[in-house]
């Protein structure tokens, strides 16, 4: 999976995750970290949404610092996306998981929300 992400074959890495699930394997902190490395500003909403799902699925495998870092990675990618609903879903899930937005994320969220309100 890591080799696929490093080789920019992110869709194949996601296919591998599905194959793993099909044989009964669940994602762990390593799987999450690898797939999140494959996120970038061109990532579609589906990959971002899938990252949120695997973060919930593998939540017991993380220490607090790693979980926060992974959620902030998803947030940083999503804030570059034009989907405000998805961004708010990420913020809601972070709150549910007791993860505070760092200062940079708070600033970006304020900027995003204020630009959405302007006519």
N, C-alpha and C. Protein backbone atom coordinates (compact mmCIF):
# COMPACT_ATOMS: atom_id res chain seq x y z
N UNK A 1 0.83 -1.18 0.00
CA UNK A 1 0.00 0.00 0.00
C UNK A 1 0.88 1.26 0.00
N UNK A 2 1.90 1.24 0.84
CA UNK A 2 2.79 2.39 0.91
C UNK A 2 3.49 2.62 -0.43
N UNK A 3 3.92 1.53 -1.07
CA UNK A 3 4.58 1.66 -2.37
C UNK A 3 3.64 2.26 -3.41
N UNK A 4 2.37 1.87 -3.37
CA UNK A 4 1.39 2.43 -4.31
C UNK A 4 1.21 3.92 -4.09
N UNK A 5 1.10 4.34 -2.84
CA UNK A 5 0.92 5.77 -2.54
C UNK A 5 2.16 6.55 -2.97
N UNK A 6 3.33 6.03 -2.65
CA UNK A 6 4.57 6.71 -3.03
C UNK A 6 4.71 6.81 -4.55
N UNK A 7 4.16 5.84 -5.27
CA UNK A 7 4.22 5.83 -6.73
C UNK A 7 3.04 6.57 -7.35
N UNK A 8 2.29 7.29 -6.53
CA UNK A 8 1.14 8.10 -6.98
C UNK A 8 0.02 7.26 -7.59
N UNK A 9 -0.09 6.02 -7.13
CA UNK A 9 -1.17 5.13 -7.58
C UNK A 9 -2.18 4.99 -6.44
N UNK A 10 -2.72 6.13 -6.05
CA UNK A 10 -3.57 6.21 -4.86
C UNK A 10 -4.85 5.39 -5.02
N UNK A 11 -5.44 5.41 -6.20
CA UNK A 11 -6.67 4.63 -6.40
C UNK A 11 -6.41 3.14 -6.19
N UNK A 12 -5.25 2.67 -6.60
CA UNK A 12 -4.91 1.26 -6.40
C UNK A 12 -4.70 0.96 -4.91
N UNK A 13 -4.17 1.93 -4.17
CA UNK A 13 -4.02 1.75 -2.71
C UNK A 13 -5.39 1.61 -2.06
N UNK A 14 -6.35 2.41 -2.51
CA UNK A 14 -7.71 2.30 -1.97
C UNK A 14 -8.34 0.96 -2.35
N UNK A 15 -8.05 0.50 -3.56
CA UNK A 15 -8.54 -0.83 -3.98
C UNK A 15 -7.96 -1.91 -3.08
N UNK A 16 -6.68 -1.76 -2.72
CA UNK A 16 -6.05 -2.73 -1.83
C UNK A 16 -6.73 -2.73 -0.46
N UNK A 17 -7.10 -1.56 0.04
CA UNK A 17 -7.83 -1.49 1.30
C UNK A 17 -9.14 -2.28 1.19
N UNK A 18 -9.83 -2.12 0.08
CA UNK A 18 -11.08 -2.86 -0.11
C UNK A 18 -10.82 -4.36 -0.14
N UNK A 19 -9.75 -4.76 -0.81
CA UNK A 19 -9.39 -6.19 -0.83
C UNK A 19 -9.10 -6.69 0.58
N UNK A 20 -8.41 -5.88 1.38
CA UNK A 20 -8.11 -6.25 2.77
C UNK A 20 -9.41 -6.43 3.56
N UNK A 21 -10.32 -5.49 3.39
CA UNK A 21 -11.60 -5.58 4.09
C UNK A 21 -12.38 -6.82 3.67
N UNK A 22 -12.31 -7.13 2.38
CA UNK A 22 -13.04 -8.29 1.86
C UNK A 22 -12.58 -9.60 2.49
N UNK A 23 -11.34 -9.67 2.93
CA UNK A 23 -10.85 -10.90 3.57
C UNK A 23 -10.85 -10.78 5.09
N UNK A 24 -11.49 -9.72 5.60
CA UNK A 24 -11.68 -9.60 7.03
C UNK A 24 -10.66 -8.78 7.79
N UNK A 25 -9.73 -8.14 7.09
CA UNK A 25 -8.75 -7.29 7.77
C UNK A 25 -9.29 -5.88 7.94
N UNK A 26 -9.01 -5.28 9.06
CA UNK A 26 -9.46 -3.92 9.35
C UNK A 26 -8.28 -2.95 9.28
N UNK A 27 -8.51 -1.72 8.88
CA UNK A 27 -7.41 -0.75 8.83
C UNK A 27 -6.90 -0.45 10.24
N UNK A 28 -5.61 -0.20 10.32
CA UNK A 28 -5.00 0.18 11.59
C UNK A 28 -4.34 1.55 11.42
N UNK A 29 -3.59 1.96 12.42
CA UNK A 29 -2.98 3.29 12.35
C UNK A 29 -2.00 3.41 11.18
N UNK A 30 -1.36 2.33 10.80
CA UNK A 30 -0.43 2.37 9.68
C UNK A 30 -1.18 2.54 8.36
N UNK A 31 -2.27 1.80 8.21
CA UNK A 31 -3.09 1.91 7.01
C UNK A 31 -3.61 3.34 6.86
N UNK A 32 -4.12 3.90 7.96
CA UNK A 32 -4.64 5.27 7.93
C UNK A 32 -3.55 6.26 7.55
N UNK A 33 -2.40 6.14 8.18
CA UNK A 33 -1.30 7.06 7.89
C UNK A 33 -0.88 7.00 6.43
N UNK A 34 -0.78 5.79 5.90
CA UNK A 34 -0.37 5.62 4.51
C UNK A 34 -1.38 6.24 3.56
N UNK A 35 -2.66 5.94 3.77
CA UNK A 35 -3.68 6.47 2.86
C UNK A 35 -3.80 7.99 2.96
N UNK A 36 -3.62 8.53 4.15
CA UNK A 36 -3.67 9.97 4.30
C UNK A 36 -2.50 10.66 3.62
N UNK A 37 -1.36 9.98 3.53
CA UNK A 37 -0.22 10.53 2.78
C UNK A 37 -0.60 10.72 1.31
N UNK A 38 -1.52 9.90 0.83
CA UNK A 38 -1.94 9.98 -0.56
C UNK A 38 -2.93 11.09 -0.84
N UNK A 39 -3.46 11.71 0.21
CA UNK A 39 -4.38 12.83 -0.01
C UNK A 39 -3.60 14.05 -0.48
N UNK A 40 -4.20 14.79 -1.38
CA UNK A 40 -3.62 16.06 -1.81
C UNK A 40 -4.76 16.97 -2.25
N UNK A 41 -4.41 18.17 -2.67
CA UNK A 41 -5.49 19.13 -2.97
C UNK A 41 -6.35 18.69 -4.16
N UNK A 42 -5.89 17.73 -4.95
CA UNK A 42 -6.71 17.21 -6.04
C UNK A 42 -7.57 16.02 -5.61
N UNK A 43 -7.43 15.59 -4.38
CA UNK A 43 -8.21 14.44 -3.91
C UNK A 43 -9.70 14.76 -3.95
N UNK A 44 -10.44 13.82 -4.41
CA UNK A 44 -11.88 14.00 -4.48
C UNK A 44 -12.54 13.81 -3.12
N UNK A 45 -13.77 14.25 -3.06
CA UNK A 45 -14.54 14.12 -1.81
C UNK A 45 -14.63 12.67 -1.35
N UNK A 46 -14.68 11.73 -2.29
CA UNK A 46 -14.81 10.33 -1.92
C UNK A 46 -13.61 9.85 -1.11
N UNK A 47 -12.41 10.23 -1.52
CA UNK A 47 -11.23 9.82 -0.76
C UNK A 47 -11.19 10.49 0.60
N UNK A 48 -11.58 11.74 0.65
CA UNK A 48 -11.61 12.45 1.93
C UNK A 48 -12.63 11.79 2.86
N UNK A 49 -13.81 11.51 2.32
CA UNK A 49 -14.86 10.84 3.09
C UNK A 49 -14.39 9.47 3.56
N UNK A 50 -13.72 8.74 2.69
CA UNK A 50 -13.21 7.42 3.05
C UNK A 50 -12.17 7.51 4.16
N UNK A 51 -11.35 8.55 4.15
CA UNK A 51 -10.38 8.74 5.23
C UNK A 51 -11.09 8.95 6.55
N UNK A 52 -12.16 9.73 6.55
CA UNK A 52 -12.93 9.92 7.77
C UNK A 52 -13.48 8.59 8.28
N UNK A 53 -13.95 7.78 7.37
CA UNK A 53 -14.51 6.48 7.76
C UNK A 53 -13.46 5.57 8.37
N UNK A 54 -12.28 5.51 7.76
CA UNK A 54 -11.27 4.61 8.32
C UNK A 54 -10.69 5.17 9.62
N UNK A 55 -10.72 6.48 9.79
CA UNK A 55 -10.28 7.03 11.07
C UNK A 55 -11.23 6.59 12.19
N UNK A 56 -12.52 6.57 11.91
CA UNK A 56 -13.48 6.08 12.90
C UNK A 56 -13.33 4.57 13.11
N UNK A 57 -13.12 3.87 12.02
CA UNK A 57 -13.02 2.41 12.07
C UNK A 57 -11.81 1.95 12.88
N UNK A 58 -10.72 2.68 12.77
CA UNK A 58 -9.47 2.28 13.42
C UNK A 58 -9.17 3.11 14.66
N UNK A 59 -10.16 3.79 15.19
CA UNK A 59 -9.94 4.78 16.24
C UNK A 59 -9.25 4.22 17.48
N UNK A 60 -9.46 2.97 17.83
CA UNK A 60 -8.84 2.41 19.02
C UNK A 60 -7.35 2.17 18.88
N UNK A 61 -6.83 2.28 17.68
CA UNK A 61 -5.42 2.00 17.42
C UNK A 61 -4.52 3.22 17.55
N UNK A 62 -5.07 4.38 17.85
CA UNK A 62 -4.29 5.61 17.82
C UNK A 62 -4.03 6.14 19.22
N UNK A 63 -2.86 6.76 19.39
CA UNK A 63 -2.69 7.58 20.57
C UNK A 63 -3.24 8.96 20.21
N UNK A 64 -3.44 9.80 21.20
CA UNK A 64 -4.11 11.08 20.98
C UNK A 64 -3.36 11.98 19.99
N UNK A 65 -2.04 12.00 20.06
CA UNK A 65 -1.27 12.86 19.16
C UNK A 65 -1.37 12.42 17.72
N UNK A 66 -1.28 11.13 17.47
CA UNK A 66 -1.39 10.62 16.11
C UNK A 66 -2.78 10.87 15.56
N UNK A 67 -3.79 10.60 16.37
CA UNK A 67 -5.17 10.82 15.91
C UNK A 67 -5.38 12.29 15.54
N UNK A 68 -4.89 13.19 16.37
CA UNK A 68 -5.01 14.61 16.07
C UNK A 68 -4.29 14.97 14.77
N UNK A 69 -3.09 14.47 14.61
CA UNK A 69 -2.32 14.76 13.39
C UNK A 69 -3.03 14.25 12.14
N UNK A 70 -3.59 13.06 12.21
CA UNK A 70 -4.28 12.49 11.05
C UNK A 70 -5.54 13.28 10.71
N UNK A 71 -6.31 13.64 11.73
CA UNK A 71 -7.51 14.44 11.48
C UNK A 71 -7.14 15.81 10.91
N UNK A 72 -6.09 16.41 11.41
CA UNK A 72 -5.68 17.72 10.89
C UNK A 72 -5.19 17.60 9.44
N UNK A 73 -4.61 16.48 9.08
CA UNK A 73 -4.22 16.26 7.69
C UNK A 73 -5.45 16.23 6.80
N UNK A 74 -6.47 15.49 7.21
CA UNK A 74 -7.71 15.44 6.43
C UNK A 74 -8.33 16.84 6.34
N UNK A 75 -8.32 17.55 7.44
CA UNK A 75 -8.87 18.91 7.46
C UNK A 75 -8.13 19.80 6.46
N UNK A 76 -6.80 19.75 6.47
CA UNK A 76 -6.00 20.60 5.58
C UNK A 76 -6.29 20.33 4.12
N UNK A 77 -6.50 19.07 3.77
CA UNK A 77 -6.84 18.75 2.39
C UNK A 77 -8.24 19.24 2.07
N UNK A 78 -9.16 19.02 2.97
CA UNK A 78 -10.56 19.38 2.72
C UNK A 78 -10.76 20.89 2.65
N UNK A 79 -9.98 21.65 3.40
CA UNK A 79 -10.17 23.10 3.39
C UNK A 79 -9.80 23.69 2.01
N UNK A 80 -9.00 22.96 1.25
CA UNK A 80 -8.66 23.39 -0.11
C UNK A 80 -9.74 23.01 -1.11
N UNK A 81 -10.66 22.18 -0.69
CA UNK A 81 -11.74 21.69 -1.52
C UNK A 81 -12.91 22.68 -1.41
N UNK A 82 -13.81 22.64 -2.33
CA UNK A 82 -14.92 23.60 -2.32
C UNK A 82 -16.17 23.10 -1.60
N UNK A 83 -16.09 21.98 -0.94
CA UNK A 83 -17.27 21.39 -0.30
C UNK A 83 -17.33 21.76 1.18
N UNK A 84 -18.13 22.80 1.49
CA UNK A 84 -18.25 23.25 2.88
C UNK A 84 -18.94 22.22 3.76
N UNK A 85 -19.85 21.45 3.21
CA UNK A 85 -20.56 20.44 3.99
C UNK A 85 -19.57 19.38 4.46
N UNK A 86 -18.69 18.94 3.58
CA UNK A 86 -17.69 17.95 3.96
C UNK A 86 -16.74 18.53 5.01
N UNK A 87 -16.35 19.75 4.85
CA UNK A 87 -15.46 20.40 5.82
C UNK A 87 -16.12 20.44 7.20
N UNK A 88 -17.39 20.78 7.25
CA UNK A 88 -18.09 20.83 8.53
C UNK A 88 -18.28 19.43 9.11
N UNK A 89 -18.40 18.42 8.25
CA UNK A 89 -18.48 17.04 8.72
C UNK A 89 -17.17 16.65 9.41
N UNK A 90 -16.06 17.07 8.85
CA UNK A 90 -14.76 16.78 9.45
C UNK A 90 -14.66 17.44 10.81
N UNK A 91 -15.05 18.71 10.89
CA UNK A 91 -14.99 19.44 12.16
C UNK A 91 -15.89 18.75 13.19
N UNK A 92 -17.08 18.34 12.78
CA UNK A 92 -18.00 17.66 13.70
C UNK A 92 -17.41 16.34 14.18
N UNK A 93 -16.79 15.59 13.28
CA UNK A 93 -16.20 14.31 13.67
C UNK A 93 -15.00 14.53 14.60
N UNK A 94 -14.24 15.59 14.35
CA UNK A 94 -13.12 15.91 15.25
C UNK A 94 -13.65 16.23 16.65
N UNK A 95 -14.72 16.98 16.72
CA UNK A 95 -15.31 17.30 18.03
C UNK A 95 -15.81 16.04 18.71
N UNK A 96 -16.44 15.17 17.94
CA UNK A 96 -16.95 13.91 18.48
C UNK A 96 -15.80 13.07 19.05
N UNK A 97 -14.64 13.15 18.42
CA UNK A 97 -13.46 12.40 18.85
C UNK A 97 -12.62 13.19 19.86
N UNK A 98 -13.15 14.33 20.34
CA UNK A 98 -12.47 15.18 21.33
C UNK A 98 -11.13 15.70 20.83
N UNK A 99 -11.10 16.09 19.57
CA UNK A 99 -9.89 16.67 18.97
C UNK A 99 -10.15 18.15 18.72
N UNK A 100 -9.33 18.97 19.34
CA UNK A 100 -9.44 20.41 19.16
C UNK A 100 -8.75 20.84 17.88
N UNK A 101 -9.38 21.78 17.17
CA UNK A 101 -8.72 22.36 16.01
C UNK A 101 -7.51 23.16 16.48
N UNK A 102 -6.37 22.97 15.81
CA UNK A 102 -5.21 23.77 16.17
C UNK A 102 -5.42 25.20 15.65
N UNK A 103 -4.53 26.10 16.01
CA UNK A 103 -4.69 27.51 15.65
C UNK A 103 -4.78 27.71 14.14
N UNK A 104 -3.95 27.01 13.40
CA UNK A 104 -3.97 27.15 11.94
C UNK A 104 -5.31 26.69 11.38
N UNK A 105 -5.82 25.58 11.86
CA UNK A 105 -7.11 25.05 11.37
C UNK A 105 -8.24 26.00 11.74
N UNK A 106 -8.21 26.56 12.94
CA UNK A 106 -9.25 27.52 13.34
C UNK A 106 -9.24 28.73 12.43
N UNK A 107 -8.04 29.24 12.13
CA UNK A 107 -7.93 30.41 11.25
C UNK A 107 -8.46 30.08 9.86
N UNK A 108 -8.08 28.94 9.33
CA UNK A 108 -8.54 28.56 7.99
C UNK A 108 -10.05 28.35 7.96
N UNK A 109 -10.61 27.79 9.02
CA UNK A 109 -12.05 27.59 9.08
C UNK A 109 -12.77 28.94 9.13
N UNK A 110 -12.26 29.87 9.93
CA UNK A 110 -12.86 31.21 9.98
C UNK A 110 -12.80 31.88 8.61
N UNK A 111 -11.66 31.78 7.94
CA UNK A 111 -11.52 32.38 6.61
C UNK A 111 -12.51 31.75 5.63
N UNK A 112 -12.62 30.44 5.70
CA UNK A 112 -13.51 29.73 4.79
C UNK A 112 -14.96 30.12 5.03
N UNK A 113 -15.34 30.17 6.30
CA UNK A 113 -16.73 30.50 6.62
C UNK A 113 -17.04 31.96 6.30
N UNK A 114 -16.11 32.84 6.53
CA UNK A 114 -16.37 34.25 6.24
C UNK A 114 -16.46 34.49 4.73
N UNK A 115 -15.68 33.75 3.94
CA UNK A 115 -15.78 33.91 2.48
C UNK A 115 -17.07 33.30 1.95
N UNK A 116 -17.61 32.31 2.64
CA UNK A 116 -18.86 31.68 2.22
C UNK A 116 -20.05 32.59 2.49
N UNK A 117 -19.92 33.47 3.48
CA UNK A 117 -21.03 34.35 3.86
C UNK A 117 -21.07 35.60 2.99
N UNK A 118 -19.92 36.02 2.45
CA UNK A 118 -19.86 37.24 1.64
C UNK A 118 -20.69 37.09 0.39
N UNK A 119 -21.38 38.17 -0.02
CA UNK A 119 -22.18 38.10 -1.25
C UNK A 119 -21.34 38.09 -2.49
